[in-house]
Amino acid sequence: MLKNLFSKSSAKSFSTEPSGPVEYIVAGLGNPGSKYEGTRHNAGFMALDYIAEQAGASVDRIKFKGLCGFASIGGKKVLLLKPSTYMNLSGQSITEAMSFYKLPPEKTIILYDDISLPPGRMRIRLKGSDGGQNGMKNIIYLSGSDKFPRIKLGTGAKPSPEWDLADWVLSKFTPQELKLLNEAIEHACASVELMVQGRAAEAMNQYNS
């Protein structure tokens, strides 16, 4: 289990009693179902689960073609969302939630896997192309915008050309890789707190690989 990263003072900004309108959406991408648990493509789900754990929130409400829950992070009411549409159709869930709460891409933070980064590394970007990640590609296509803040979690490149990319992203992490990923997830969680407070530059300076 991931350790609690936050100090007592920091933990106060993660509350289980959010009130007022939703100000941010934080979504983790992945594939639903037990067969995909612990796979590289589910790094976004794993990060979202950890953020929910730190916030004392439950992501168990069925809505927006996914599972969701509410949390107060950094003094902001946040919708935590895990699309159940499978990775390649993630945009269906994300854009539905954005439309319901009338939130722009700039206030929709996406967490997902990136094979161009080794396990243990993470990278924050405030906008940009999908980088070949199919979930992000669908989100950009359906929303018509690339201005989504995103946190990319390293899952490692294919070990050899013989590996099919689809097989690689659906493969399981080794115990050592999982340990490194957990460290990146802790940093991603801290980054989300800074980002919803308008301190994205600080998060990037502190946690970008």
N, C-alpha and C. Protein backbone atom coordinates (compact mmCIF):
# COMPACT_ATOMS: atom_id res chain seq x y z
N MET A 1 0.85 -1.19 0.00
CA MET A 1 0.00 0.00 0.00
C MET A 1 0.88 1.24 0.00
N LEU A 2 0.43 2.27 -0.70
CA LEU A 2 1.18 3.51 -0.76
C LEU A 2 1.11 4.21 0.59
N LYS A 3 2.23 4.79 1.00
CA LYS A 3 2.25 5.51 2.26
C LYS A 3 1.54 6.84 2.12
N ASN A 4 1.13 7.42 3.25
CA ASN A 4 0.51 8.74 3.24
C ASN A 4 1.59 9.78 3.03
N LEU A 5 1.48 10.52 1.94
CA LEU A 5 2.52 11.46 1.55
C LEU A 5 2.42 12.77 2.30
N PHE A 6 1.24 13.11 2.80
CA PHE A 6 0.99 14.46 3.24
C PHE A 6 1.28 14.68 4.72
N SER A 7 1.72 15.89 5.02
CA SER A 7 1.86 16.31 6.39
C SER A 7 0.48 16.57 6.96
N LYS A 8 0.39 16.78 8.29
CA LYS A 8 -0.91 17.04 8.89
C LYS A 8 -1.54 18.30 8.32
N SER A 9 -0.73 19.33 8.11
CA SER A 9 -1.26 20.58 7.58
C SER A 9 -1.76 20.41 6.16
N SER A 10 -1.00 19.65 5.36
CA SER A 10 -1.41 19.42 3.98
C SER A 10 -2.66 18.57 3.92
N ALA A 11 -2.74 17.58 4.79
CA ALA A 11 -3.88 16.67 4.77
C ALA A 11 -5.19 17.40 5.05
N LYS A 12 -5.13 18.55 5.72
CA LYS A 12 -6.33 19.29 6.01
C LYS A 12 -7.01 19.79 4.74
N SER A 13 -6.25 19.93 3.65
CA SER A 13 -6.84 20.42 2.42
C SER A 13 -7.52 19.30 1.65
N PHE A 14 -7.45 18.06 2.16
CA PHE A 14 -8.17 16.93 1.59
C PHE A 14 -9.29 16.59 2.56
N SER A 15 -10.51 16.91 2.19
CA SER A 15 -11.64 16.75 3.09
C SER A 15 -12.67 15.82 2.48
N THR A 16 -13.41 15.13 3.34
CA THR A 16 -14.47 14.24 2.86
C THR A 16 -15.81 14.96 2.83
N GLU A 17 -15.85 16.26 3.10
CA GLU A 17 -17.11 17.00 3.15
C GLU A 17 -17.10 18.17 2.17
N PRO A 18 -17.04 17.88 0.87
CA PRO A 18 -17.04 18.97 -0.11
C PRO A 18 -18.40 19.65 -0.17
N SER A 19 -18.39 20.95 -0.43
CA SER A 19 -19.64 21.69 -0.58
C SER A 19 -19.49 22.66 -1.74
N GLY A 20 -20.62 23.15 -2.22
CA GLY A 20 -20.59 24.10 -3.32
C GLY A 20 -20.46 23.40 -4.66
N PRO A 21 -20.31 24.20 -5.72
CA PRO A 21 -20.23 23.63 -7.07
C PRO A 21 -18.91 22.93 -7.33
N VAL A 22 -18.93 21.96 -8.23
CA VAL A 22 -17.71 21.29 -8.65
C VAL A 22 -16.85 22.28 -9.43
N GLU A 23 -15.59 22.42 -9.01
CA GLU A 23 -14.67 23.38 -9.64
C GLU A 23 -13.65 22.71 -10.55
N TYR A 24 -13.39 21.43 -10.33
CA TYR A 24 -12.43 20.69 -11.14
C TYR A 24 -12.91 19.27 -11.33
N ILE A 25 -12.51 18.68 -12.43
CA ILE A 25 -12.63 17.24 -12.64
C ILE A 25 -11.22 16.67 -12.66
N VAL A 26 -11.00 15.60 -11.92
CA VAL A 26 -9.74 14.87 -11.97
C VAL A 26 -10.09 13.45 -12.41
N ALA A 27 -9.60 13.06 -13.58
CA ALA A 27 -9.96 11.77 -14.16
C ALA A 27 -8.72 10.91 -14.37
N GLY A 28 -8.82 9.65 -13.99
CA GLY A 28 -7.78 8.68 -14.26
C GLY A 28 -8.24 7.74 -15.35
N LEU A 29 -7.38 7.47 -16.33
CA LEU A 29 -7.76 6.62 -17.45
C LEU A 29 -7.31 5.18 -17.24
N GLY A 30 -8.10 4.26 -17.78
CA GLY A 30 -7.76 2.85 -17.67
C GLY A 30 -8.86 2.00 -18.28
N ASN A 31 -8.78 0.71 -18.06
CA ASN A 31 -9.79 -0.24 -18.52
C ASN A 31 -10.48 -0.87 -17.33
N PRO A 32 -11.81 -0.96 -17.34
CA PRO A 32 -12.52 -1.56 -16.21
C PRO A 32 -12.39 -3.09 -16.21
N GLY A 33 -12.58 -3.67 -15.04
CA GLY A 33 -12.57 -5.13 -14.94
C GLY A 33 -11.31 -5.67 -14.29
N SER A 34 -11.47 -6.78 -13.58
CA SER A 34 -10.36 -7.35 -12.82
C SER A 34 -9.21 -7.83 -13.71
N LYS A 35 -9.50 -8.22 -14.96
CA LYS A 35 -8.43 -8.73 -15.83
C LYS A 35 -7.41 -7.65 -16.17
N TYR A 36 -7.78 -6.37 -16.00
CA TYR A 36 -6.86 -5.29 -16.33
C TYR A 36 -6.18 -4.67 -15.11
N GLU A 37 -6.52 -5.15 -13.93
CA GLU A 37 -5.91 -4.60 -12.72
C GLU A 37 -4.40 -4.85 -12.72
N GLY A 38 -3.65 -3.82 -12.37
CA GLY A 38 -2.20 -3.97 -12.28
C GLY A 38 -1.48 -3.92 -13.60
N THR A 39 -2.20 -3.58 -14.69
CA THR A 39 -1.55 -3.48 -16.00
C THR A 39 -1.06 -2.05 -16.24
N ARG A 40 -0.15 -1.91 -17.18
CA ARG A 40 0.46 -0.60 -17.45
C ARG A 40 -0.56 0.43 -17.91
N HIS A 41 -1.53 -0.02 -18.69
CA HIS A 41 -2.55 0.90 -19.21
C HIS A 41 -3.47 1.42 -18.11
N ASN A 42 -3.42 0.83 -16.92
CA ASN A 42 -4.31 1.25 -15.83
C ASN A 42 -3.60 2.12 -14.80
N ALA A 43 -2.46 2.69 -15.16
CA ALA A 43 -1.75 3.56 -14.22
C ALA A 43 -2.61 4.75 -13.81
N GLY A 44 -3.42 5.26 -14.74
CA GLY A 44 -4.30 6.38 -14.40
C GLY A 44 -5.35 6.00 -13.38
N PHE A 45 -5.93 4.82 -13.52
CA PHE A 45 -6.88 4.32 -12.53
C PHE A 45 -6.21 4.21 -11.16
N MET A 46 -5.00 3.67 -11.15
CA MET A 46 -4.28 3.47 -9.90
C MET A 46 -4.01 4.79 -9.20
N ALA A 47 -3.64 5.80 -9.98
CA ALA A 47 -3.39 7.12 -9.41
C ALA A 47 -4.67 7.74 -8.87
N LEU A 48 -5.77 7.59 -9.60
CA LEU A 48 -7.04 8.14 -9.17
C LEU A 48 -7.50 7.48 -7.87
N ASP A 49 -7.30 6.17 -7.76
CA ASP A 49 -7.66 5.45 -6.55
C ASP A 49 -6.86 5.97 -5.35
N TYR A 50 -5.58 6.26 -5.57
CA TYR A 50 -4.75 6.76 -4.49
C TYR A 50 -5.18 8.16 -4.06
N ILE A 51 -5.50 9.00 -5.02
CA ILE A 51 -5.99 10.33 -4.70
C ILE A 51 -7.28 10.25 -3.88
N ALA A 52 -8.18 9.36 -4.27
CA ALA A 52 -9.43 9.16 -3.53
C ALA A 52 -9.14 8.67 -2.12
N GLU A 53 -8.19 7.75 -1.99
CA GLU A 53 -7.82 7.23 -0.67
C GLU A 53 -7.32 8.35 0.23
N GLN A 54 -6.44 9.20 -0.31
CA GLN A 54 -5.91 10.31 0.48
C GLN A 54 -7.00 11.30 0.88
N ALA A 55 -8.00 11.46 0.01
CA ALA A 55 -9.08 12.40 0.27
C ALA A 55 -10.17 11.80 1.15
N GLY A 56 -10.09 10.50 1.41
CA GLY A 56 -11.14 9.84 2.16
C GLY A 56 -12.43 9.73 1.37
N ALA A 57 -12.31 9.70 0.05
CA ALA A 57 -13.48 9.68 -0.83
C ALA A 57 -13.69 8.29 -1.41
N SER A 58 -14.93 8.03 -1.81
CA SER A 58 -15.28 6.77 -2.48
C SER A 58 -15.63 7.06 -3.93
N VAL A 59 -15.01 6.33 -4.83
CA VAL A 59 -15.31 6.48 -6.26
C VAL A 59 -16.18 5.28 -6.65
N ASP A 60 -17.46 5.38 -6.34
CA ASP A 60 -18.34 4.22 -6.52
C ASP A 60 -19.72 4.58 -7.06
N ARG A 61 -19.93 5.82 -7.44
CA ARG A 61 -21.21 6.22 -8.01
C ARG A 61 -21.17 6.01 -9.52
N ILE A 62 -22.20 5.41 -10.07
CA ILE A 62 -22.25 5.16 -11.51
C ILE A 62 -22.89 6.36 -12.20
N LYS A 63 -22.07 7.09 -12.94
CA LYS A 63 -22.54 8.27 -13.65
C LYS A 63 -21.51 8.66 -14.69
N PHE A 64 -21.91 9.37 -15.71
CA PHE A 64 -21.01 9.84 -16.76
C PHE A 64 -20.26 8.67 -17.43
N LYS A 65 -20.95 7.57 -17.62
CA LYS A 65 -20.35 6.37 -18.23
C LYS A 65 -19.08 5.96 -17.47
N GLY A 66 -19.13 6.05 -16.16
CA GLY A 66 -17.97 5.67 -15.35
C GLY A 66 -18.33 5.60 -13.88
N LEU A 67 -17.30 5.49 -13.07
CA LEU A 67 -17.46 5.54 -11.62
C LEU A 67 -16.91 6.87 -11.14
N CYS A 68 -17.61 7.52 -10.21
CA CYS A 68 -17.18 8.82 -9.76
C CYS A 68 -17.46 9.02 -8.27
N GLY A 69 -16.90 10.07 -7.75
CA GLY A 69 -17.11 10.46 -6.36
C GLY A 69 -16.63 11.89 -6.18
N PHE A 70 -16.95 12.47 -5.03
CA PHE A 70 -16.57 13.86 -4.78
C PHE A 70 -15.54 13.94 -3.66
N ALA A 71 -14.66 14.91 -3.78
CA ALA A 71 -13.65 15.14 -2.75
C ALA A 71 -13.34 16.63 -2.71
N SER A 72 -12.87 17.08 -1.56
CA SER A 72 -12.36 18.44 -1.44
C SER A 72 -10.85 18.37 -1.42
N ILE A 73 -10.23 18.94 -2.43
CA ILE A 73 -8.77 18.90 -2.58
C ILE A 73 -8.27 20.32 -2.73
N GLY A 74 -7.35 20.71 -1.89
CA GLY A 74 -6.82 22.06 -1.95
C GLY A 74 -7.88 23.12 -1.80
N GLY A 75 -8.94 22.82 -1.06
CA GLY A 75 -10.02 23.78 -0.85
C GLY A 75 -11.01 23.86 -2.00
N LYS A 76 -10.87 22.97 -3.00
CA LYS A 76 -11.75 22.96 -4.15
C LYS A 76 -12.60 21.69 -4.16
N LYS A 77 -13.86 21.84 -4.56
CA LYS A 77 -14.70 20.66 -4.74
C LYS A 77 -14.35 20.02 -6.07
N VAL A 78 -13.99 18.75 -6.03
CA VAL A 78 -13.47 18.05 -7.20
C VAL A 78 -14.31 16.79 -7.46
N LEU A 79 -14.61 16.57 -8.74
CA LEU A 79 -15.20 15.30 -9.15
C LEU A 79 -14.07 14.36 -9.53
N LEU A 80 -13.99 13.22 -8.88
CA LEU A 80 -13.03 12.18 -9.22
C LEU A 80 -13.74 11.19 -10.14
N LEU A 81 -13.11 10.88 -11.28
CA LEU A 81 -13.81 10.11 -12.30
C LEU A 81 -12.91 9.03 -12.90
N LYS A 82 -13.49 7.82 -13.02
CA LYS A 82 -12.83 6.70 -13.70
C LYS A 82 -13.77 6.22 -14.82
N PRO A 83 -13.49 6.60 -16.06
CA PRO A 83 -14.35 6.16 -17.16
C PRO A 83 -14.43 4.64 -17.25
N SER A 84 -15.64 4.14 -17.54
CA SER A 84 -15.85 2.70 -17.71
C SER A 84 -16.03 2.34 -19.17
N THR A 85 -15.64 3.24 -20.05
CA THR A 85 -15.86 3.07 -21.49
C THR A 85 -14.74 2.31 -22.18
N TYR A 86 -13.75 1.87 -21.42
CA TYR A 86 -12.49 1.33 -21.92
C TYR A 86 -11.67 2.49 -22.48
N MET A 87 -10.37 2.30 -22.46
CA MET A 87 -9.42 3.37 -22.72
C MET A 87 -9.72 4.16 -23.99
N ASN A 88 -9.95 3.47 -25.09
CA ASN A 88 -10.04 4.15 -26.38
C ASN A 88 -11.25 5.05 -26.53
N LEU A 89 -12.22 4.94 -25.62
CA LEU A 89 -13.42 5.78 -25.67
C LEU A 89 -13.55 6.65 -24.42
N SER A 90 -12.43 6.94 -23.79
CA SER A 90 -12.43 7.71 -22.54
C SER A 90 -13.12 9.05 -22.69
N GLY A 91 -13.04 9.65 -23.87
CA GLY A 91 -13.63 10.96 -24.09
C GLY A 91 -15.13 11.00 -23.90
N GLN A 92 -15.81 9.87 -24.11
CA GLN A 92 -17.25 9.85 -23.93
C GLN A 92 -17.62 10.19 -22.48
N SER A 93 -16.89 9.62 -21.56
CA SER A 93 -17.14 9.86 -20.14
C SER A 93 -16.68 11.26 -19.72
N ILE A 94 -15.48 11.63 -20.12
CA ILE A 94 -14.91 12.91 -19.71
C ILE A 94 -15.75 14.08 -20.21
N THR A 95 -16.10 14.08 -21.49
CA THR A 95 -16.84 15.21 -22.04
C THR A 95 -18.26 15.29 -21.49
N GLU A 96 -18.85 14.15 -21.15
CA GLU A 96 -20.18 14.16 -20.54
C GLU A 96 -20.14 14.85 -19.18
N ALA A 97 -19.12 14.53 -18.39
CA ALA A 97 -18.98 15.18 -17.08
C ALA A 97 -18.67 16.67 -17.22
N MET A 98 -17.81 17.01 -18.17
CA MET A 98 -17.49 18.42 -18.41
C MET A 98 -18.74 19.21 -18.78
N SER A 99 -19.56 18.64 -19.65
CA SER A 99 -20.78 19.31 -20.08
C SER A 99 -21.75 19.49 -18.92
N PHE A 100 -21.89 18.48 -18.09
CA PHE A 100 -22.83 18.54 -16.97
C PHE A 100 -22.44 19.65 -15.99
N TYR A 101 -21.14 19.75 -15.68
CA TYR A 101 -20.69 20.75 -14.71
C TYR A 101 -20.22 22.05 -15.36
N LYS A 102 -20.33 22.11 -16.70
CA LYS A 102 -19.95 23.32 -17.45
C LYS A 102 -18.51 23.75 -17.14
N LEU A 103 -17.62 22.77 -17.19
CA LEU A 103 -16.20 23.02 -16.91
C LEU A 103 -15.39 22.96 -18.20
N PRO A 104 -14.44 23.85 -18.36
CA PRO A 104 -13.59 23.85 -19.56
C PRO A 104 -12.47 22.83 -19.43
N PRO A 105 -11.78 22.54 -20.53
CA PRO A 105 -10.64 21.62 -20.47
C PRO A 105 -9.60 22.05 -19.44
N GLU A 106 -9.40 23.35 -19.29
CA GLU A 106 -8.38 23.85 -18.37
C GLU A 106 -8.63 23.44 -16.92
N LYS A 107 -9.86 23.05 -16.61
CA LYS A 107 -10.18 22.62 -15.25
C LYS A 107 -10.53 21.13 -15.20
N THR A 108 -9.98 20.40 -16.16
CA THR A 108 -10.17 18.96 -16.23
C THR A 108 -8.79 18.31 -16.31
N ILE A 109 -8.34 17.73 -15.21
CA ILE A 109 -7.00 17.16 -15.12
C ILE A 109 -7.07 15.66 -15.42
N ILE A 110 -6.24 15.22 -16.36
CA ILE A 110 -6.26 13.82 -16.79
C ILE A 110 -4.97 13.13 -16.35
N LEU A 111 -5.09 11.95 -15.76
CA LEU A 111 -3.94 11.13 -15.38
C LEU A 111 -3.93 9.87 -16.22
N TYR A 112 -2.77 9.55 -16.82
CA TYR A 112 -2.72 8.38 -17.69
C TYR A 112 -1.29 7.87 -17.86
N ASP A 113 -1.18 6.69 -18.45
CA ASP A 113 0.10 6.02 -18.62
C ASP A 113 0.86 6.58 -19.82
N ASP A 114 2.20 6.51 -19.75
CA ASP A 114 3.04 6.99 -20.85
C ASP A 114 4.23 6.04 -21.00
N ILE A 115 4.28 5.34 -22.14
CA ILE A 115 5.36 4.37 -22.34
C ILE A 115 6.69 5.04 -22.68
N SER A 116 6.67 6.34 -22.94
CA SER A 116 7.94 7.03 -23.25
C SER A 116 8.72 7.38 -21.99
N LEU A 117 8.09 7.22 -20.84
CA LEU A 117 8.76 7.50 -19.56
C LEU A 117 8.98 6.19 -18.81
N PRO A 118 10.13 6.03 -18.15
CA PRO A 118 10.35 4.82 -17.37
C PRO A 118 9.50 4.83 -16.10
N PRO A 119 9.22 3.67 -15.53
CA PRO A 119 8.47 3.62 -14.28
C PRO A 119 9.17 4.46 -13.20
N GLY A 120 8.37 5.18 -12.45
CA GLY A 120 8.91 6.05 -11.41
C GLY A 120 8.98 7.51 -11.84
N ARG A 121 8.87 7.76 -13.15
CA ARG A 121 8.88 9.13 -13.65
C ARG A 121 7.45 9.60 -13.93
N MET A 122 7.23 10.90 -13.79
CA MET A 122 5.95 11.49 -14.17
C MET A 122 6.22 12.84 -14.81
N ARG A 123 5.28 13.29 -15.60
CA ARG A 123 5.45 14.57 -16.27
C ARG A 123 4.12 15.29 -16.37
N ILE A 124 4.13 16.55 -15.99
CA ILE A 124 2.94 17.39 -16.06
C ILE A 124 3.02 18.23 -17.33
N ARG A 125 1.92 18.29 -18.05
CA ARG A 125 1.78 19.18 -19.19
C ARG A 125 0.43 19.88 -19.08
N LEU A 126 0.37 21.14 -19.46
CA LEU A 126 -0.88 21.89 -19.34
C LEU A 126 -1.72 21.85 -20.61
N LYS A 127 -1.14 21.42 -21.71
CA LYS A 127 -1.86 21.25 -22.97
C LYS A 127 -0.94 20.51 -23.93
N GLY A 128 -1.47 20.18 -25.11
CA GLY A 128 -0.62 19.53 -26.10
C GLY A 128 -1.30 18.36 -26.78
N SER A 129 -0.56 17.71 -27.64
CA SER A 129 -1.10 16.60 -28.42
C SER A 129 -1.30 15.37 -27.54
N ASP A 130 -1.92 14.35 -28.12
CA ASP A 130 -2.18 13.12 -27.36
C ASP A 130 -0.94 12.26 -27.19
N GLY A 131 0.12 12.51 -27.97
CA GLY A 131 1.35 11.74 -27.84
C GLY A 131 1.19 10.28 -28.17
N GLY A 132 0.13 9.94 -28.92
CA GLY A 132 -0.10 8.54 -29.29
C GLY A 132 -0.89 7.75 -28.26
N GLN A 133 -1.31 8.39 -27.17
CA GLN A 133 -2.09 7.69 -26.14
C GLN A 133 -3.56 7.73 -26.55
N ASN A 134 -4.17 6.56 -26.76
CA ASN A 134 -5.49 6.50 -27.36
C ASN A 134 -6.60 7.11 -26.52
N GLY A 135 -6.50 7.00 -25.21
CA GLY A 135 -7.51 7.61 -24.35
C GLY A 135 -7.49 9.12 -24.48
N MET A 136 -6.28 9.69 -24.43
CA MET A 136 -6.14 11.13 -24.58
C MET A 136 -6.55 11.57 -25.98
N LYS A 137 -6.26 10.75 -26.97
CA LYS A 137 -6.64 11.06 -28.35
C LYS A 137 -8.16 11.21 -28.47
N ASN A 138 -8.91 10.31 -27.83
CA ASN A 138 -10.37 10.36 -27.89
C ASN A 138 -10.92 11.57 -27.14
N ILE A 139 -10.29 11.92 -26.03
CA ILE A 139 -10.72 13.10 -25.26
C ILE A 139 -10.55 14.36 -26.09
N ILE A 140 -9.40 14.51 -26.72
CA ILE A 140 -9.14 15.69 -27.55
C ILE A 140 -10.08 15.73 -28.74
N TYR A 141 -10.31 14.58 -29.36
CA TYR A 141 -11.19 14.51 -30.53
C TYR A 141 -12.62 14.93 -30.18
N LEU A 142 -13.19 14.38 -29.10
CA LEU A 142 -14.58 14.65 -28.77
C LEU A 142 -14.78 16.04 -28.17
N SER A 143 -13.78 16.56 -27.51
CA SER A 143 -13.91 17.90 -26.89
C SER A 143 -13.54 19.01 -27.87
N GLY A 144 -12.73 18.69 -28.86
CA GLY A 144 -12.26 19.69 -29.80
C GLY A 144 -11.19 20.59 -29.23
N SER A 145 -10.55 20.14 -28.15
CA SER A 145 -9.52 20.97 -27.51
C SER A 145 -8.37 20.10 -27.01
N ASP A 146 -7.16 20.68 -27.01
CA ASP A 146 -6.01 19.97 -26.43
C ASP A 146 -5.51 20.66 -25.17
N LYS A 147 -6.35 21.55 -24.62
CA LYS A 147 -5.92 22.36 -23.47
C LYS A 147 -6.24 21.69 -22.14
N PHE A 148 -6.02 20.39 -22.08
CA PHE A 148 -6.24 19.64 -20.85
C PHE A 148 -4.95 19.54 -20.05
N PRO A 149 -4.94 20.00 -18.79
CA PRO A 149 -3.78 19.68 -17.95
C PRO A 149 -3.72 18.17 -17.78
N ARG A 150 -2.52 17.63 -17.87
CA ARG A 150 -2.42 16.18 -17.74
C ARG A 150 -1.16 15.78 -16.98
N ILE A 151 -1.27 14.65 -16.29
CA ILE A 151 -0.13 14.07 -15.57
C ILE A 151 0.13 12.71 -16.18
N LYS A 152 1.28 12.58 -16.81
CA LYS A 152 1.64 11.34 -17.49
C LYS A 152 2.54 10.51 -16.57
N LEU A 153 2.16 9.26 -16.37
CA LEU A 153 2.87 8.36 -15.47
C LEU A 153 3.67 7.35 -16.28
N GLY A 154 4.95 7.30 -16.04
CA GLY A 154 5.81 6.40 -16.79
C GLY A 154 5.52 4.94 -16.54
N THR A 155 5.39 4.18 -17.62
CA THR A 155 5.17 2.74 -17.50
C THR A 155 6.22 1.93 -18.24
N GLY A 156 7.16 2.62 -18.91
CA GLY A 156 8.26 1.92 -19.56
C GLY A 156 7.99 1.56 -21.00
N ALA A 157 9.06 1.60 -21.80
CA ALA A 157 8.97 1.26 -23.22
C ALA A 157 9.01 -0.25 -23.41
N LYS A 158 8.60 -0.71 -24.59
CA LYS A 158 8.66 -2.13 -24.90
C LYS A 158 10.09 -2.63 -24.74
N PRO A 159 10.29 -3.80 -24.13
CA PRO A 159 11.65 -4.30 -23.93
C PRO A 159 12.34 -4.75 -25.21
N SER A 160 11.55 -5.02 -26.26
CA SER A 160 12.14 -5.45 -27.53
C SER A 160 11.15 -5.18 -28.64
N PRO A 161 11.62 -5.06 -29.89
CA PRO A 161 10.72 -4.82 -31.02
C PRO A 161 9.70 -5.93 -31.23
N GLU A 162 10.00 -7.12 -30.72
CA GLU A 162 9.10 -8.24 -30.92
C GLU A 162 7.78 -8.08 -30.15
N TRP A 163 7.81 -7.26 -29.11
CA TRP A 163 6.61 -7.05 -28.32
C TRP A 163 5.59 -6.26 -29.13
N ASP A 164 4.36 -6.74 -29.19
CA ASP A 164 3.26 -5.96 -29.76
C ASP A 164 2.88 -4.88 -28.76
N LEU A 165 2.65 -3.65 -29.24
CA LEU A 165 2.37 -2.54 -28.33
C LEU A 165 1.13 -2.79 -27.49
N ALA A 166 0.07 -3.34 -28.10
CA ALA A 166 -1.16 -3.61 -27.36
C ALA A 166 -0.91 -4.63 -26.24
N ASP A 167 -0.09 -5.63 -26.53
CA ASP A 167 0.24 -6.62 -25.49
C ASP A 167 1.06 -5.99 -24.39
N TRP A 168 1.97 -5.07 -24.77
CA TRP A 168 2.85 -4.46 -23.78
C TRP A 168 2.06 -3.60 -22.78
N VAL A 169 1.19 -2.73 -23.28
CA VAL A 169 0.47 -1.83 -22.37
C VAL A 169 -0.53 -2.60 -21.50
N LEU A 170 -0.91 -3.80 -21.92
CA LEU A 170 -1.82 -4.61 -21.12
C LEU A 170 -1.08 -5.64 -20.27
N SER A 171 0.23 -5.55 -20.24
CA SER A 171 1.02 -6.47 -19.40
C SER A 171 1.10 -5.92 -17.98
N LYS A 172 1.43 -6.80 -17.05
CA LYS A 172 1.49 -6.43 -15.63
C LYS A 172 2.84 -5.81 -15.30
N PHE A 173 2.83 -4.92 -14.31
CA PHE A 173 4.07 -4.39 -13.77
C PHE A 173 4.81 -5.47 -12.99
N THR A 174 6.13 -5.44 -13.04
CA THR A 174 6.91 -6.29 -12.15
C THR A 174 6.86 -5.66 -10.75
N PRO A 175 7.18 -6.41 -9.70
CA PRO A 175 7.18 -5.82 -8.35
C PRO A 175 8.07 -4.58 -8.23
N GLN A 176 9.24 -4.60 -8.86
CA GLN A 176 10.12 -3.44 -8.79
C GLN A 176 9.53 -2.26 -9.55
N GLU A 177 8.96 -2.51 -10.71
CA GLU A 177 8.32 -1.44 -11.48
C GLU A 177 7.15 -0.85 -10.70
N LEU A 178 6.40 -1.70 -10.03
CA LEU A 178 5.24 -1.24 -9.27
C LEU A 178 5.68 -0.35 -8.11
N LYS A 179 6.78 -0.69 -7.49
CA LYS A 179 7.31 0.14 -6.42
C LYS A 179 7.67 1.53 -6.94
N LEU A 180 8.31 1.58 -8.10
CA LEU A 180 8.67 2.86 -8.70
C LEU A 180 7.43 3.64 -9.13
N LEU A 181 6.45 2.95 -9.69
CA LEU A 181 5.21 3.61 -10.09
C LEU A 181 4.52 4.23 -8.89
N ASN A 182 4.50 3.52 -7.78
CA ASN A 182 3.84 4.04 -6.59
C ASN A 182 4.46 5.36 -6.14
N GLU A 183 5.77 5.49 -6.29
CA GLU A 183 6.43 6.74 -5.94
C GLU A 183 5.95 7.87 -6.85
N ALA A 184 5.82 7.57 -8.14
CA ALA A 184 5.33 8.57 -9.08
C ALA A 184 3.88 8.94 -8.79
N ILE A 185 3.08 7.97 -8.38
CA ILE A 185 1.68 8.23 -8.05
C ILE A 185 1.58 9.16 -6.84
N GLU A 186 2.45 8.98 -5.86
CA GLU A 186 2.47 9.88 -4.71
C GLU A 186 2.74 11.31 -5.16
N HIS A 187 3.69 11.47 -6.07
CA HIS A 187 4.02 12.80 -6.59
C HIS A 187 2.86 13.36 -7.42
N ALA A 188 2.18 12.50 -8.15
CA ALA A 188 1.03 12.94 -8.93
C ALA A 188 -0.08 13.45 -8.02
N CYS A 189 -0.28 12.79 -6.93
CA CYS A 189 -1.30 13.19 -5.96
C CYS A 189 -0.98 14.57 -5.40
N ALA A 190 0.26 14.77 -5.02
CA ALA A 190 0.68 16.09 -4.52
C ALA A 190 0.56 17.15 -5.60
N SER A 191 0.83 16.76 -6.85
CA SER A 191 0.74 17.70 -7.96
C SER A 191 -0.69 18.15 -8.19
N VAL A 192 -1.64 17.23 -8.09
CA VAL A 192 -3.05 17.57 -8.27
C VAL A 192 -3.47 18.63 -7.26
N GLU A 193 -3.02 18.47 -6.02
CA GLU A 193 -3.37 19.44 -5.00
C GLU A 193 -2.87 20.83 -5.37
N LEU A 194 -1.64 20.91 -5.86
CA LEU A 194 -1.09 22.20 -6.27
C LEU A 194 -1.81 22.74 -7.51
N MET A 195 -2.11 21.88 -8.44
CA MET A 195 -2.72 22.32 -9.70
C MET A 195 -4.10 22.92 -9.50
N VAL A 196 -4.92 22.33 -8.63
CA VAL A 196 -6.26 22.88 -8.42
C VAL A 196 -6.21 24.20 -7.64
N GLN A 197 -5.08 24.48 -7.03
CA GLN A 197 -4.89 25.75 -6.34
C GLN A 197 -4.27 26.82 -7.24
N GLY A 198 -4.13 26.50 -8.52
CA GLY A 198 -3.54 27.44 -9.45
C GLY A 198 -2.03 27.51 -9.37
N ARG A 199 -1.41 26.44 -8.86
CA ARG A 199 0.03 26.41 -8.66
C ARG A 199 0.68 25.34 -9.54
N ALA A 200 0.20 25.28 -10.80
CA ALA A 200 0.72 24.26 -11.71
C ALA A 200 2.20 24.44 -11.97
N ALA A 201 2.66 25.68 -12.09
CA ALA A 201 4.09 25.92 -12.36
C ALA A 201 4.94 25.38 -11.21
N GLU A 202 4.46 25.53 -10.00
CA GLU A 202 5.17 24.99 -8.84
C GLU A 202 5.22 23.47 -8.88
N ALA A 203 4.09 22.87 -9.25
CA ALA A 203 4.04 21.40 -9.37
C ALA A 203 5.01 20.92 -10.43
N MET A 204 5.07 21.61 -11.56
CA MET A 204 5.96 21.22 -12.65
C MET A 204 7.42 21.35 -12.23
N ASN A 205 7.74 22.43 -11.55
CA ASN A 205 9.13 22.64 -11.09
C ASN A 205 9.56 21.58 -10.09
N GLN A 206 8.61 21.16 -9.26
CA GLN A 206 8.94 20.24 -8.18
C GLN A 206 8.94 18.77 -8.61
N TYR A 207 8.01 18.41 -9.51
CA TYR A 207 7.79 16.99 -9.75
C TYR A 207 8.06 16.52 -11.18
N ASN A 208 8.16 17.43 -12.16
CA ASN A 208 8.45 16.96 -13.51
C ASN A 208 9.80 16.27 -13.57
N SER A 209 9.84 15.17 -14.29
CA SER A 209 11.08 14.41 -14.40
C SER A 209 12.08 15.21 -15.21
